[in-house]
Amino acid sequence: MALLITDECINCDVCEPECPNNAISQGEEIYVIDPALCTECVGHYDEPQCQQVCPVDCIPLDPSFVESKEQLQDKYNRIMAVHA
């Protein structure tokens, strides 16, 4: 699954630089995660880094984008191929 930033976000700016895929950006009111780029850090880390640094715990799994670890790994491979 991709991750999702809820409206509990306080715009503290700590999640954006932690994302290795540049999936997090400033939205109109709060930060947002691009599900096409979010791999839950599969391929980079054992755990999603944004969740690790979020002080208000507002980054749950996004039920709209259900993906297996294998699908997340495939997405990571595609993203890395584009940036190679």
Protein backbone atom coordinates (compact mmCIF):
# COMPACT_ATOMS: atom_id res chain seq x y z
CA MET A 1 0.00 0.00 0.00
CA ALA A 2 1.00 3.55 -0.44
CA LEU A 3 0.94 5.77 2.60
CA LEU A 4 -1.38 8.69 3.23
CA ILE A 5 -0.96 11.89 5.25
CA THR A 6 -4.11 12.72 7.19
CA ASP A 7 -5.48 16.15 8.05
CA GLU A 8 -3.86 15.80 11.47
CA CYS A 9 -0.62 16.88 9.75
CA ILE A 10 0.94 19.92 11.43
CA ASN A 11 3.21 20.82 8.47
CA CYS A 12 6.33 20.30 10.55
CA ASP A 13 8.43 19.60 7.42
CA VAL A 14 10.20 16.51 8.77
CA CYS A 15 8.69 13.86 6.47
CA GLU A 16 9.44 15.37 3.07
CA PRO A 17 13.26 15.16 3.20
CA GLU A 18 13.09 11.61 4.59
CA CYS A 19 11.30 10.17 1.54
CA PRO A 20 13.87 8.45 -0.71
CA ASN A 21 11.45 8.46 -3.67
CA ASN A 22 10.45 12.12 -3.44
CA ALA A 23 6.83 11.01 -3.06
CA ILE A 24 6.03 13.65 -0.42
CA SER A 25 5.34 17.25 -1.34
CA GLN A 26 3.54 20.26 0.07
CA GLY A 27 -0.13 20.20 -0.87
CA GLU A 28 -2.60 23.07 -0.66
CA GLU A 29 -2.99 22.76 3.11
CA ILE A 30 -0.87 19.82 4.28
CA TYR A 31 1.81 17.55 2.90
CA VAL A 32 0.65 14.88 0.45
CA ILE A 33 2.05 11.56 -0.76
CA ASP A 34 2.03 10.58 -4.43
CA PRO A 35 0.92 6.92 -4.44
CA ALA A 36 2.66 6.37 -7.78
CA LEU A 37 6.00 7.09 -6.08
CA CYS A 38 5.40 5.70 -2.59
CA THR A 39 6.94 2.26 -2.01
CA GLU A 40 6.68 2.40 1.80
CA CYS A 41 10.48 2.66 1.54
CA VAL A 42 10.70 -0.90 0.12
CA GLY A 43 14.05 -1.06 -1.64
CA HIS A 44 15.53 1.59 0.62
CA TYR A 45 14.68 0.83 4.27
CA ASP A 46 12.95 -1.80 6.39
CA GLU A 47 10.30 0.68 7.57
CA PRO A 48 8.68 3.79 6.07
CA GLN A 49 10.90 6.67 7.10
CA CYS A 50 8.12 9.26 7.07
CA GLN A 51 6.22 7.26 9.67
CA GLN A 52 9.35 7.00 11.81
CA VAL A 53 9.89 10.78 11.98
CA CYS A 54 6.27 11.99 12.11
CA PRO A 55 5.68 13.58 15.53
CA VAL A 56 1.87 13.33 15.35
CA ASP A 57 1.53 9.84 13.85
CA CYS A 58 -0.59 11.01 10.91
CA ILE A 59 0.77 8.74 8.15
CA PRO A 60 -1.23 5.50 7.96
CA LEU A 61 -1.49 3.03 5.09
CA ASP A 62 -3.77 4.26 2.32
CA PRO A 63 -6.54 1.67 1.84
CA SER A 64 -7.16 3.04 -1.66
CA PHE A 65 -3.79 1.71 -2.84
CA VAL A 66 -3.40 -1.90 -1.68
CA GLU A 67 -0.06 -3.37 -2.83
CA SER A 68 1.93 -6.41 -1.78
CA LYS A 69 5.61 -6.21 -0.86
CA GLU A 70 6.36 -7.72 -4.28
CA GLN A 71 4.34 -5.01 -6.03
CA LEU A 72 6.10 -2.34 -3.97
CA GLN A 73 9.48 -3.85 -4.92
CA ASP A 74 8.46 -3.82 -8.61
CA LYS A 75 7.42 -0.16 -8.28
CA TYR A 76 10.77 0.63 -6.62
CA ASN A 77 12.60 -1.12 -9.50
CA ARG A 78 10.65 0.93 -12.09
CA ILE A 79 11.31 4.19 -10.25
CA MET A 80 15.03 3.44 -10.00
CA ALA A 81 15.20 2.50 -13.71
CA VAL A 82 13.77 5.90 -14.65
CA HIS A 83 16.36 7.68 -12.50
CA ALA A 84 19.30 5.58 -13.68
